[in-house]
Amino acid sequence: MLEIHYLRVVVTAVSAFVMSSIWYTVFGKARMALLDQDPRATADMRKVPTWKKATELARELVIAYVVARFVVQLGVADWKAALQLGVWLWFGFVFMILVGAVTWDNVPWKLAAIHAGDWLVKLPLMAVILAVWRK
């Protein structure tokens, strides 16, 4: 029987945090332009307050744990099934939430697309790490 290994959850969360940091470094200027240069937003991780980085890492830990629960409960044990799980989680939750934000909150679709892309990479990455890492 598969079980949750907390070291894997932590490594998965840190991997997702690093991947997102890279993602938003690449798309940071476009994000800033879509936010109309809001002085509270930043594209430079060196300027992000420590408490925000810590909060983001905590979010990644919670999400990694939830994905680990799905991996265990569904018996996902190979990278193909994990990739599918990550994509379905993205589509069923992240994508649908962002469609709602664009539809109801007037979030610019380009900004939503930047966030959607981050999650489309992050969730499958998390699922694959958690499903494939055996030892």
N, C-alpha and C. Protein backbone atom coordinates (compact mmCIF):
# COMPACT_ATOMS: atom_id res chain seq x y z
N MET A 1 0.83 -1.19 0.00
CA MET A 1 0.00 0.00 0.00
C MET A 1 0.88 1.25 0.00
N LEU A 2 0.49 2.23 -0.77
CA LEU A 2 1.22 3.48 -0.81
C LEU A 2 0.92 4.30 0.43
N GLU A 3 1.90 5.06 0.88
CA GLU A 3 1.67 5.95 2.02
C GLU A 3 2.37 7.27 1.76
N ILE A 4 1.97 8.27 2.52
CA ILE A 4 2.55 9.60 2.35
C ILE A 4 3.87 9.66 3.11
N HIS A 5 4.91 10.11 2.43
CA HIS A 5 6.22 10.32 3.04
C HIS A 5 6.44 11.82 3.09
N TYR A 6 6.59 12.33 4.29
CA TYR A 6 6.62 13.78 4.48
C TYR A 6 7.86 14.44 3.88
N LEU A 7 8.98 13.73 3.82
CA LEU A 7 10.15 14.29 3.15
C LEU A 7 9.84 14.54 1.67
N ARG A 8 9.12 13.62 1.07
CA ARG A 8 8.73 13.79 -0.34
C ARG A 8 7.81 15.00 -0.51
N VAL A 9 6.92 15.20 0.44
CA VAL A 9 6.01 16.35 0.39
C VAL A 9 6.82 17.64 0.47
N VAL A 10 7.79 17.69 1.37
CA VAL A 10 8.62 18.89 1.53
C VAL A 10 9.45 19.14 0.26
N VAL A 11 10.08 18.10 -0.27
CA VAL A 11 10.88 18.25 -1.49
C VAL A 11 10.00 18.68 -2.66
N THR A 12 8.81 18.12 -2.74
CA THR A 12 7.86 18.49 -3.79
C THR A 12 7.46 19.95 -3.66
N ALA A 13 7.17 20.40 -2.45
CA ALA A 13 6.78 21.79 -2.22
C ALA A 13 7.92 22.74 -2.60
N VAL A 14 9.13 22.42 -2.20
CA VAL A 14 10.28 23.27 -2.53
C VAL A 14 10.50 23.29 -4.04
N SER A 15 10.35 22.14 -4.69
CA SER A 15 10.48 22.07 -6.16
C SER A 15 9.44 22.95 -6.84
N ALA A 16 8.22 22.90 -6.36
CA ALA A 16 7.15 23.73 -6.94
C ALA A 16 7.42 25.21 -6.69
N PHE A 17 7.93 25.55 -5.52
CA PHE A 17 8.26 26.93 -5.18
C PHE A 17 9.34 27.46 -6.12
N VAL A 18 10.38 26.66 -6.34
CA VAL A 18 11.46 27.05 -7.25
C VAL A 18 10.93 27.19 -8.67
N MET A 19 10.13 26.22 -9.11
CA MET A 19 9.58 26.28 -10.47
C MET A 19 8.72 27.52 -10.65
N SER A 20 7.89 27.84 -9.66
CA SER A 20 7.06 29.04 -9.75
C SER A 20 7.89 30.31 -9.76
N SER A 21 8.96 30.31 -8.98
CA SER A 21 9.85 31.47 -8.96
C SER A 21 10.46 31.70 -10.34
N ILE A 22 10.84 30.63 -11.00
CA ILE A 22 11.38 30.73 -12.36
C ILE A 22 10.28 31.20 -13.31
N TRP A 23 9.10 30.62 -13.18
CA TRP A 23 7.97 30.98 -14.04
C TRP A 23 7.69 32.48 -13.98
N TYR A 24 7.59 32.99 -12.76
CA TYR A 24 7.25 34.40 -12.61
C TYR A 24 8.43 35.33 -12.89
N THR A 25 9.64 34.79 -12.89
CA THR A 25 10.78 35.57 -13.36
C THR A 25 10.67 35.75 -14.88
N VAL A 26 10.32 34.68 -15.56
CA VAL A 26 10.16 34.73 -17.02
C VAL A 26 8.98 35.63 -17.41
N PHE A 27 7.86 35.50 -16.71
CA PHE A 27 6.65 36.24 -17.07
C PHE A 27 6.41 37.45 -16.18
N GLY A 28 7.38 37.82 -15.37
CA GLY A 28 7.21 38.90 -14.41
C GLY A 28 6.90 40.25 -15.03
N LYS A 29 7.60 40.60 -16.09
CA LYS A 29 7.35 41.92 -16.71
C LYS A 29 5.96 41.97 -17.32
N ALA A 30 5.53 40.91 -17.95
CA ALA A 30 4.19 40.87 -18.53
C ALA A 30 3.14 40.95 -17.42
N ARG A 31 3.39 40.25 -16.33
CA ARG A 31 2.48 40.29 -15.19
C ARG A 31 2.38 41.70 -14.64
N MET A 32 3.52 42.35 -14.48
CA MET A 32 3.54 43.71 -13.94
C MET A 32 2.77 44.67 -14.86
N ALA A 33 2.95 44.52 -16.15
CA ALA A 33 2.23 45.38 -17.10
C ALA A 33 0.72 45.17 -16.98
N LEU A 34 0.30 43.93 -16.80
CA LEU A 34 -1.12 43.64 -16.66
C LEU A 34 -1.68 44.15 -15.33
N LEU A 35 -0.82 44.31 -14.35
CA LEU A 35 -1.24 44.85 -13.05
C LEU A 35 -1.10 46.37 -13.01
N ASP A 36 -0.86 46.98 -14.16
CA ASP A 36 -0.70 48.42 -14.26
C ASP A 36 0.37 48.94 -13.31
N GLN A 37 1.45 48.17 -13.21
CA GLN A 37 2.59 48.58 -12.38
C GLN A 37 2.18 48.86 -10.93
N ASP A 38 1.26 48.09 -10.41
CA ASP A 38 0.83 48.23 -9.01
C ASP A 38 2.06 48.19 -8.11
N PRO A 39 2.29 49.22 -7.30
CA PRO A 39 3.49 49.27 -6.47
C PRO A 39 3.55 48.16 -5.43
N ARG A 40 2.43 47.51 -5.15
CA ARG A 40 2.42 46.40 -4.18
C ARG A 40 2.86 45.10 -4.82
N ALA A 41 2.89 45.04 -6.15
CA ALA A 41 3.29 43.82 -6.86
C ALA A 41 4.74 43.96 -7.29
N THR A 42 5.40 42.84 -7.44
CA THR A 42 6.78 42.87 -7.90
C THR A 42 7.08 41.65 -8.76
N ALA A 43 7.98 41.83 -9.70
CA ALA A 43 8.42 40.73 -10.54
C ALA A 43 9.79 40.23 -10.09
N ASP A 44 10.41 40.92 -9.14
CA ASP A 44 11.76 40.61 -8.69
C ASP A 44 11.69 39.90 -7.33
N MET A 45 12.00 38.60 -7.32
CA MET A 45 11.92 37.82 -6.08
C MET A 45 12.81 38.39 -4.98
N ARG A 46 13.86 39.11 -5.33
CA ARG A 46 14.74 39.70 -4.32
C ARG A 46 14.04 40.82 -3.56
N LYS A 47 12.98 41.37 -4.15
CA LYS A 47 12.25 42.46 -3.51
C LYS A 47 10.97 42.00 -2.80
N VAL A 48 10.65 40.74 -2.93
CA VAL A 48 9.45 40.21 -2.29
C VAL A 48 9.74 40.07 -0.79
N PRO A 49 8.85 40.60 0.06
CA PRO A 49 9.07 40.48 1.50
C PRO A 49 9.17 39.01 1.94
N THR A 50 9.99 38.78 2.94
CA THR A 50 10.22 37.42 3.45
C THR A 50 8.91 36.75 3.86
N TRP A 51 8.01 37.50 4.48
CA TRP A 51 6.76 36.89 4.94
C TRP A 51 5.94 36.38 3.76
N LYS A 52 6.02 37.04 2.59
CA LYS A 52 5.28 36.57 1.42
C LYS A 52 5.91 35.29 0.87
N LYS A 53 7.24 35.24 0.86
CA LYS A 53 7.91 34.01 0.41
C LYS A 53 7.56 32.85 1.33
N ALA A 54 7.56 33.11 2.64
CA ALA A 54 7.23 32.06 3.61
C ALA A 54 5.78 31.60 3.44
N THR A 55 4.89 32.55 3.20
CA THR A 55 3.48 32.20 2.99
C THR A 55 3.33 31.35 1.73
N GLU A 56 4.05 31.72 0.69
CA GLU A 56 3.97 30.95 -0.56
C GLU A 56 4.52 29.55 -0.36
N LEU A 57 5.61 29.42 0.37
CA LEU A 57 6.17 28.09 0.64
C LEU A 57 5.18 27.26 1.46
N ALA A 58 4.52 27.88 2.43
CA ALA A 58 3.50 27.18 3.22
C ALA A 58 2.35 26.72 2.33
N ARG A 59 1.93 27.57 1.40
CA ARG A 59 0.87 27.18 0.44
C ARG A 59 1.32 25.97 -0.37
N GLU A 60 2.55 26.01 -0.83
CA GLU A 60 3.07 24.88 -1.62
C GLU A 60 3.09 23.60 -0.79
N LEU A 61 3.42 23.71 0.50
CA LEU A 61 3.41 22.53 1.37
C LEU A 61 2.01 21.94 1.50
N VAL A 62 1.02 22.80 1.69
CA VAL A 62 -0.36 22.32 1.80
C VAL A 62 -0.79 21.66 0.50
N ILE A 63 -0.50 22.29 -0.61
CA ILE A 63 -0.90 21.74 -1.91
C ILE A 63 -0.18 20.42 -2.18
N ALA A 64 1.12 20.36 -1.87
CA ALA A 64 1.87 19.12 -2.07
C ALA A 64 1.28 17.99 -1.22
N TYR A 65 0.88 18.32 0.00
CA TYR A 65 0.27 17.30 0.85
C TYR A 65 -1.06 16.82 0.26
N VAL A 66 -1.88 17.74 -0.22
CA VAL A 66 -3.16 17.36 -0.82
C VAL A 66 -2.94 16.49 -2.06
N VAL A 67 -2.00 16.88 -2.90
CA VAL A 67 -1.69 16.07 -4.09
C VAL A 67 -1.18 14.70 -3.66
N ALA A 68 -0.36 14.65 -2.62
CA ALA A 68 0.13 13.36 -2.11
C ALA A 68 -1.04 12.48 -1.66
N ARG A 69 -2.03 13.09 -1.03
CA ARG A 69 -3.21 12.32 -0.61
C ARG A 69 -3.93 11.74 -1.84
N PHE A 70 -4.07 12.54 -2.89
CA PHE A 70 -4.68 12.03 -4.13
C PHE A 70 -3.86 10.89 -4.70
N VAL A 71 -2.55 11.05 -4.74
CA VAL A 71 -1.67 10.02 -5.29
C VAL A 71 -1.85 8.71 -4.52
N VAL A 72 -1.87 8.80 -3.20
CA VAL A 72 -2.02 7.61 -2.37
C VAL A 72 -3.42 7.01 -2.52
N GLN A 73 -4.44 7.84 -2.38
CA GLN A 73 -5.82 7.33 -2.42
C GLN A 73 -6.18 6.71 -3.77
N LEU A 74 -5.63 7.29 -4.84
CA LEU A 74 -5.93 6.77 -6.18
C LEU A 74 -4.94 5.69 -6.62
N GLY A 75 -3.91 5.45 -5.83
CA GLY A 75 -2.92 4.42 -6.18
C GLY A 75 -2.09 4.78 -7.40
N VAL A 76 -1.83 6.06 -7.59
CA VAL A 76 -1.04 6.51 -8.74
C VAL A 76 0.41 6.10 -8.50
N ALA A 77 0.96 5.33 -9.45
CA ALA A 77 2.30 4.78 -9.21
C ALA A 77 3.26 4.94 -10.38
N ASP A 78 2.85 5.60 -11.45
CA ASP A 78 3.78 5.82 -12.56
C ASP A 78 3.63 7.24 -13.08
N TRP A 79 4.61 7.67 -13.85
CA TRP A 79 4.65 9.08 -14.26
C TRP A 79 3.50 9.46 -15.19
N LYS A 80 3.05 8.52 -16.03
CA LYS A 80 1.95 8.84 -16.95
C LYS A 80 0.66 9.09 -16.19
N ALA A 81 0.35 8.23 -15.25
CA ALA A 81 -0.87 8.41 -14.44
C ALA A 81 -0.75 9.67 -13.59
N ALA A 82 0.45 9.95 -13.08
CA ALA A 82 0.67 11.15 -12.27
C ALA A 82 0.50 12.41 -13.12
N LEU A 83 1.02 12.38 -14.32
CA LEU A 83 0.86 13.51 -15.23
C LEU A 83 -0.62 13.76 -15.50
N GLN A 84 -1.35 12.69 -15.75
CA GLN A 84 -2.80 12.81 -15.97
C GLN A 84 -3.50 13.39 -14.75
N LEU A 85 -3.13 12.91 -13.57
CA LEU A 85 -3.73 13.43 -12.34
C LEU A 85 -3.47 14.92 -12.21
N GLY A 86 -2.24 15.33 -12.44
CA GLY A 86 -1.90 16.75 -12.33
C GLY A 86 -2.68 17.61 -13.31
N VAL A 87 -2.84 17.14 -14.53
CA VAL A 87 -3.59 17.90 -15.54
C VAL A 87 -5.07 17.97 -15.15
N TRP A 88 -5.63 16.85 -14.69
CA TRP A 88 -7.04 16.88 -14.29
C TRP A 88 -7.27 17.78 -13.08
N LEU A 89 -6.36 17.77 -12.13
CA LEU A 89 -6.48 18.68 -10.98
C LEU A 89 -6.43 20.13 -11.46
N TRP A 90 -5.51 20.40 -12.39
CA TRP A 90 -5.40 21.75 -12.94
C TRP A 90 -6.70 22.16 -13.63
N PHE A 91 -7.19 21.28 -14.50
CA PHE A 91 -8.38 21.62 -15.28
C PHE A 91 -9.61 21.77 -14.38
N GLY A 92 -9.81 20.83 -13.47
CA GLY A 92 -11.01 20.82 -12.64
C GLY A 92 -11.06 21.91 -11.59
N PHE A 93 -9.91 22.38 -11.18
CA PHE A 93 -9.89 23.38 -10.12
C PHE A 93 -9.26 24.69 -10.57
N VAL A 94 -7.99 24.69 -10.87
CA VAL A 94 -7.29 25.94 -11.19
C VAL A 94 -7.90 26.62 -12.41
N PHE A 95 -8.01 25.90 -13.50
CA PHE A 95 -8.53 26.50 -14.73
C PHE A 95 -9.95 27.03 -14.52
N MET A 96 -10.79 26.23 -13.89
CA MET A 96 -12.18 26.65 -13.67
C MET A 96 -12.25 27.86 -12.74
N ILE A 97 -11.41 27.91 -11.71
CA ILE A 97 -11.39 29.08 -10.81
C ILE A 97 -10.95 30.32 -11.57
N LEU A 98 -9.93 30.18 -12.42
CA LEU A 98 -9.45 31.33 -13.18
C LEU A 98 -10.47 31.78 -14.23
N VAL A 99 -11.21 30.85 -14.81
CA VAL A 99 -12.29 31.24 -15.73
C VAL A 99 -13.32 32.08 -14.97
N GLY A 100 -13.63 31.67 -13.76
CA GLY A 100 -14.55 32.46 -12.94
C GLY A 100 -13.99 33.83 -12.62
N ALA A 101 -12.70 33.92 -12.33
CA ALA A 101 -12.08 35.21 -12.02
C ALA A 101 -12.13 36.14 -13.24
N VAL A 102 -11.91 35.58 -14.41
CA VAL A 102 -11.98 36.39 -15.64
C VAL A 102 -13.43 36.82 -15.90
N THR A 103 -14.34 35.89 -15.73
CA THR A 103 -15.75 36.15 -16.02
C THR A 103 -16.39 37.11 -15.03
N TRP A 104 -16.17 36.90 -13.76
CA TRP A 104 -16.91 37.64 -12.73
C TRP A 104 -16.13 38.78 -12.09
N ASP A 105 -14.80 38.68 -12.06
CA ASP A 105 -14.00 39.70 -11.37
C ASP A 105 -13.20 40.58 -12.31
N ASN A 106 -13.44 40.39 -13.61
CA ASN A 106 -12.75 41.19 -14.62
C ASN A 106 -11.23 41.07 -14.56
N VAL A 107 -10.73 39.92 -14.13
CA VAL A 107 -9.30 39.68 -14.17
C VAL A 107 -8.92 39.58 -15.65
N PRO A 108 -7.88 40.31 -16.08
CA PRO A 108 -7.49 40.22 -17.50
C PRO A 108 -7.14 38.78 -17.87
N TRP A 109 -7.64 38.34 -19.00
CA TRP A 109 -7.41 36.94 -19.38
C TRP A 109 -5.93 36.65 -19.55
N LYS A 110 -5.14 37.63 -19.94
CA LYS A 110 -3.69 37.39 -20.09
C LYS A 110 -3.04 37.15 -18.72
N LEU A 111 -3.50 37.86 -17.72
CA LEU A 111 -2.98 37.64 -16.37
C LEU A 111 -3.40 36.25 -15.87
N ALA A 112 -4.65 35.90 -16.11
CA ALA A 112 -5.13 34.56 -15.73
C ALA A 112 -4.34 33.48 -16.46
N ALA A 113 -3.98 33.73 -17.72
CA ALA A 113 -3.20 32.76 -18.50
C ALA A 113 -1.81 32.57 -17.90
N ILE A 114 -1.21 33.66 -17.42
CA ILE A 114 0.11 33.54 -16.78
C ILE A 114 0.00 32.64 -15.54
N HIS A 115 -1.02 32.90 -14.71
CA HIS A 115 -1.22 32.08 -13.51
C HIS A 115 -1.58 30.63 -13.88
N ALA A 116 -2.42 30.47 -14.89
CA ALA A 116 -2.81 29.12 -15.32
C ALA A 116 -1.61 28.33 -15.80
N GLY A 117 -0.71 28.98 -16.52
CA GLY A 117 0.48 28.29 -17.00
C GLY A 117 1.36 27.82 -15.86
N ASP A 118 1.51 28.67 -14.85
CA ASP A 118 2.29 28.28 -13.66
C ASP A 118 1.72 27.01 -13.05
N TRP A 119 0.41 27.01 -12.85
CA TRP A 119 -0.24 25.84 -12.24
C TRP A 119 -0.24 24.62 -13.16
N LEU A 120 -0.31 24.85 -14.47
CA LEU A 120 -0.29 23.72 -15.40
C LEU A 120 1.07 23.01 -15.39
N VAL A 121 2.10 23.73 -15.06
CA VAL A 121 3.41 23.10 -14.91
C VAL A 121 3.56 22.52 -13.50
N LYS A 122 3.10 23.28 -12.50
CA LYS A 122 3.32 22.93 -11.11
C LYS A 122 2.57 21.68 -10.65
N LEU A 123 1.29 21.58 -10.94
CA LEU A 123 0.52 20.43 -10.45
C LEU A 123 0.99 19.09 -11.03
N PRO A 124 1.20 19.00 -12.35
CA PRO A 124 1.76 17.73 -12.85
C PRO A 124 3.16 17.44 -12.29
N LEU A 125 3.98 18.48 -12.14
CA LEU A 125 5.31 18.28 -11.54
C LEU A 125 5.17 17.67 -10.15
N MET A 126 4.29 18.23 -9.35
CA MET A 126 4.08 17.71 -7.99
C MET A 126 3.61 16.25 -8.03
N ALA A 127 2.62 15.99 -8.85
CA ALA A 127 2.07 14.63 -8.92
C ALA A 127 3.14 13.63 -9.36
N VAL A 128 3.94 14.00 -10.34
CA VAL A 128 4.97 13.08 -10.84
C VAL A 128 6.02 12.82 -9.76
N ILE A 129 6.50 13.86 -9.10
CA ILE A 129 7.49 13.66 -8.04
C ILE A 129 6.94 12.73 -6.97
N LEU A 130 5.72 12.99 -6.54
CA LEU A 130 5.14 12.20 -5.45
C LEU A 130 4.82 10.76 -5.86
N ALA A 131 4.48 10.55 -7.12
CA ALA A 131 4.14 9.19 -7.57
C ALA A 131 5.37 8.35 -7.90
N VAL A 132 6.39 8.99 -8.44
CA VAL A 132 7.53 8.23 -8.96
C VAL A 132 8.60 8.00 -7.90
N TRP A 133 8.76 8.91 -6.99
CA TRP A 133 9.80 8.80 -5.96
C TRP A 133 9.44 7.66 -5.02
N ARG A 134 10.17 6.59 -5.07
CA ARG A 134 9.83 5.39 -4.30
C ARG A 134 10.72 5.15 -3.08
N LYS A 135 11.97 5.56 -3.10
CA LYS A 135 12.88 5.21 -1.98
C LYS A 135 13.24 6.40 -1.16
